[in-house]
Amino acid sequence: MSRAHSFKLTLSNNVTEKEGIRYMLEEQTGFFQIDLPMKKALLDILELPYSFKQSFDMIFIPKLEGVKLKEDYIETHLDEIQFIEIKTTKKFLPENPKGFFFGATENEFNFAKLVGERFRFCFISLHPDSLSCSLLKMDELESIIRNKRIQYQINL
């Protein structure tokens, strides 16, 4: 794959992910996008390294529906926080997540193992005829994976 094509694909994926996050914020309740300082504060509280700051895109706090997230909510609701990693497609998926193709990092899987039941992959279909989201815990995801392969990303 050429460098230019790879760059365009990355930009397209980033735009699609942002659309997915916007969908979750507008259409679902209890989901919050947190900025880098808040991610670091959350990781500090959990005594986890900052290397996991890219392993989740949002948090979900079931009891906080329709409110703006404030930093003190993190400590107040720490036991309820779920870490959400967004995977978004524009593909028609009437049985979302069935048929979803996505990439995930080793760091995301390691973080999921560390936080256990508190981690969810969120599969979002932005296709107008299958607009939906599906939240899966790691064990639920592993039970439906049809094929998984390792791909190395190398910079020289």
Protein backbone atom coordinates (compact mmCIF):
# COMPACT_ATOMS: atom_id res chain seq x y z
CA MET A 1 0.00 0.00 0.00
CA SER A 2 1.40 3.38 -0.89
CA ARG A 3 2.18 5.89 1.83
CA ALA A 4 -0.32 8.40 0.37
CA HIS A 5 -3.13 5.81 0.28
CA SER A 6 -2.34 4.70 3.84
CA PHE A 7 -2.44 8.32 5.04
CA LYS A 8 -5.81 8.95 3.34
CA LEU A 9 -7.21 5.75 4.86
CA THR A 10 -6.06 6.80 8.34
CA LEU A 11 -7.67 10.24 7.95
CA SER A 12 -10.91 8.63 6.76
CA ASN A 13 -10.92 6.23 9.72
CA ASN A 14 -10.32 9.11 12.15
CA VAL A 15 -13.29 11.04 10.71
CA THR A 16 -15.51 7.95 10.94
CA GLU A 17 -14.46 7.37 14.57
CA LYS A 18 -15.32 10.98 15.44
CA GLU A 19 -18.74 10.51 13.82
CA GLY A 20 -19.21 7.39 15.96
CA ILE A 21 -18.30 9.26 19.13
CA ARG A 22 -20.71 12.04 18.19
CA TYR A 23 -23.45 9.44 17.62
CA MET A 24 -22.87 7.98 21.09
CA LEU A 25 -22.90 11.41 22.75
CA GLU A 26 -26.07 12.52 20.95
CA GLU A 27 -28.09 9.31 20.81
CA GLN A 28 -27.08 7.37 23.92
CA THR A 29 -27.11 8.37 27.58
CA GLY A 30 -24.36 8.01 30.18
CA PHE A 31 -21.52 8.12 27.61
CA PHE A 32 -18.81 10.75 27.98
CA GLN A 33 -15.82 11.71 25.89
CA ILE A 34 -12.97 12.64 28.19
CA ASP A 35 -9.93 14.74 27.40
CA LEU A 36 -6.32 13.73 27.92
CA PRO A 37 -5.90 15.33 31.37
CA MET A 38 -9.05 13.56 32.60
CA LYS A 39 -7.82 10.25 31.12
CA LYS A 40 -4.52 10.68 32.96
CA ALA A 41 -6.34 11.52 36.20
CA LEU A 42 -8.48 8.40 35.84
CA LEU A 43 -5.42 6.23 35.14
CA ASP A 44 -3.67 7.80 38.17
CA ILE A 45 -6.59 6.94 40.43
CA LEU A 46 -6.54 3.36 39.13
CA GLU A 47 -2.73 3.27 39.43
CA LEU A 48 -2.36 2.31 35.77
CA PRO A 49 0.35 3.60 33.41
CA TYR A 50 -0.31 6.38 30.91
CA SER A 51 0.56 3.94 28.15
CA PHE A 52 -3.14 2.94 28.31
CA LYS A 53 -4.45 6.44 27.56
CA GLN A 54 -5.12 5.48 23.92
CA SER A 55 -6.79 2.20 24.88
CA PHE A 56 -10.23 3.73 25.40
CA ASP A 57 -12.13 6.54 23.69
CA MET A 58 -14.98 7.20 26.10
CA ILE A 59 -16.33 6.24 29.48
CA PHE A 60 -19.82 5.11 30.39
CA ILE A 61 -21.41 5.87 33.75
CA PRO A 62 -24.92 4.40 33.82
CA LYS A 63 -26.26 6.65 36.59
CA LEU A 64 -25.17 9.89 34.92
CA GLU A 65 -27.72 10.29 32.19
CA GLY A 66 -28.12 13.71 30.61
CA VAL A 67 -25.48 15.55 32.64
CA LYS A 68 -22.16 17.15 31.73
CA LEU A 69 -19.23 15.21 33.17
CA LYS A 70 -17.19 16.95 35.85
CA GLU A 71 -13.82 15.71 37.10
CA ASP A 72 -15.13 15.03 40.62
CA TYR A 73 -17.66 12.58 39.13
CA ILE A 74 -14.78 10.25 38.32
CA GLU A 75 -13.92 9.62 41.96
CA THR A 76 -17.57 9.68 43.04
CA HIS A 77 -18.58 7.09 40.44
CA LEU A 78 -15.28 5.22 40.10
CA ASP A 79 -16.80 1.80 40.75
CA GLU A 80 -19.41 2.32 38.02
CA ILE A 81 -17.16 3.59 35.23
CA GLN A 82 -16.88 1.43 32.15
CA PHE A 83 -14.10 2.06 29.63
CA ILE A 84 -15.34 2.20 26.05
CA GLU A 85 -13.21 1.58 22.98
CA ILE A 86 -15.05 2.79 19.87
CA LYS A 87 -14.96 0.86 16.59
CA THR A 88 -16.96 2.51 13.82
CA THR A 89 -18.00 1.58 10.29
CA LYS A 90 -20.31 2.94 7.62
CA LYS A 91 -21.00 -0.59 6.40
CA PHE A 92 -24.59 -1.91 6.39
CA LEU A 93 -24.74 -4.24 9.41
CA PRO A 94 -28.32 -5.29 10.16
CA GLU A 95 -27.02 -7.66 12.86
CA ASN A 96 -24.35 -5.39 14.37
CA PRO A 97 -21.64 -6.47 15.29
CA LYS A 98 -21.95 -9.49 12.97
CA GLY A 99 -19.87 -8.75 9.86
CA PHE A 100 -17.78 -6.04 11.54
CA PHE A 101 -14.14 -5.81 10.44
CA PHE A 102 -11.87 -3.78 12.70
CA GLY A 103 -8.35 -3.35 13.96
CA ALA A 104 -7.38 -3.41 17.61
CA THR A 105 -4.06 -2.89 19.33
CA GLU A 106 -2.35 -5.24 21.74
CA ASN A 107 -2.53 -2.39 24.24
CA GLU A 108 -6.35 -2.33 23.99
CA PHE A 109 -6.51 -6.06 24.69
CA ASN A 110 -4.03 -5.74 27.59
CA PHE A 111 -6.01 -2.87 29.08
CA ALA A 112 -9.22 -4.88 28.72
CA LYS A 113 -7.65 -7.75 30.65
CA LEU A 114 -6.45 -5.39 33.40
CA VAL A 115 -9.79 -3.69 33.99
CA GLY A 116 -11.84 -6.82 33.30
CA GLU A 117 -15.63 -6.45 33.32
CA ARG A 118 -15.27 -2.66 33.16
CA PHE A 119 -14.04 -2.66 29.54
CA ARG A 120 -16.31 -2.69 26.50
CA PHE A 121 -15.74 -2.59 22.79
CA CYS A 122 -18.47 -0.45 21.24
CA PHE A 123 -19.25 -1.38 17.63
CA ILE A 124 -21.08 1.40 15.81
CA SER A 125 -22.69 1.11 12.39
CA LEU A 126 -23.31 4.56 10.91
CA HIS A 127 -25.07 3.21 7.82
CA PRO A 128 -28.49 4.94 7.62
CA ASP A 129 -30.27 1.58 7.29
CA SER A 130 -28.47 -0.08 10.20
CA LEU A 131 -27.64 2.83 12.52
CA SER A 132 -26.80 1.11 15.79
CA CYS A 133 -24.28 0.35 18.49
CA SER A 134 -23.36 -2.89 20.18
CA LEU A 135 -21.39 -3.08 23.43
CA LEU A 136 -19.38 -6.23 24.08
CA LYS A 137 -17.26 -7.30 27.03
CA MET A 138 -13.98 -8.98 26.16
CA ASP A 139 -15.28 -12.52 26.79
CA GLU A 140 -18.35 -11.81 24.62
CA LEU A 141 -16.12 -10.53 21.82
CA GLU A 142 -13.76 -13.49 22.04
CA SER A 143 -16.69 -15.91 21.79
CA ILE A 144 -17.77 -14.52 18.39
CA ILE A 145 -14.40 -13.77 16.73
CA ARG A 146 -14.22 -15.77 13.50
CA ASN A 147 -10.67 -14.88 12.52
CA LYS A 148 -7.91 -12.96 14.28
CA ARG A 149 -4.44 -12.29 12.95
CA ILE A 150 -1.45 -10.29 14.08
CA GLN A 151 -0.15 -7.48 11.89
CA TYR A 152 3.09 -5.69 12.67
CA GLN A 153 3.30 -1.93 12.16
CA ILE A 154 6.96 -1.04 11.58
CA ASN A 155 8.67 2.31 11.21
CA LEU A 156 12.22 2.54 9.85
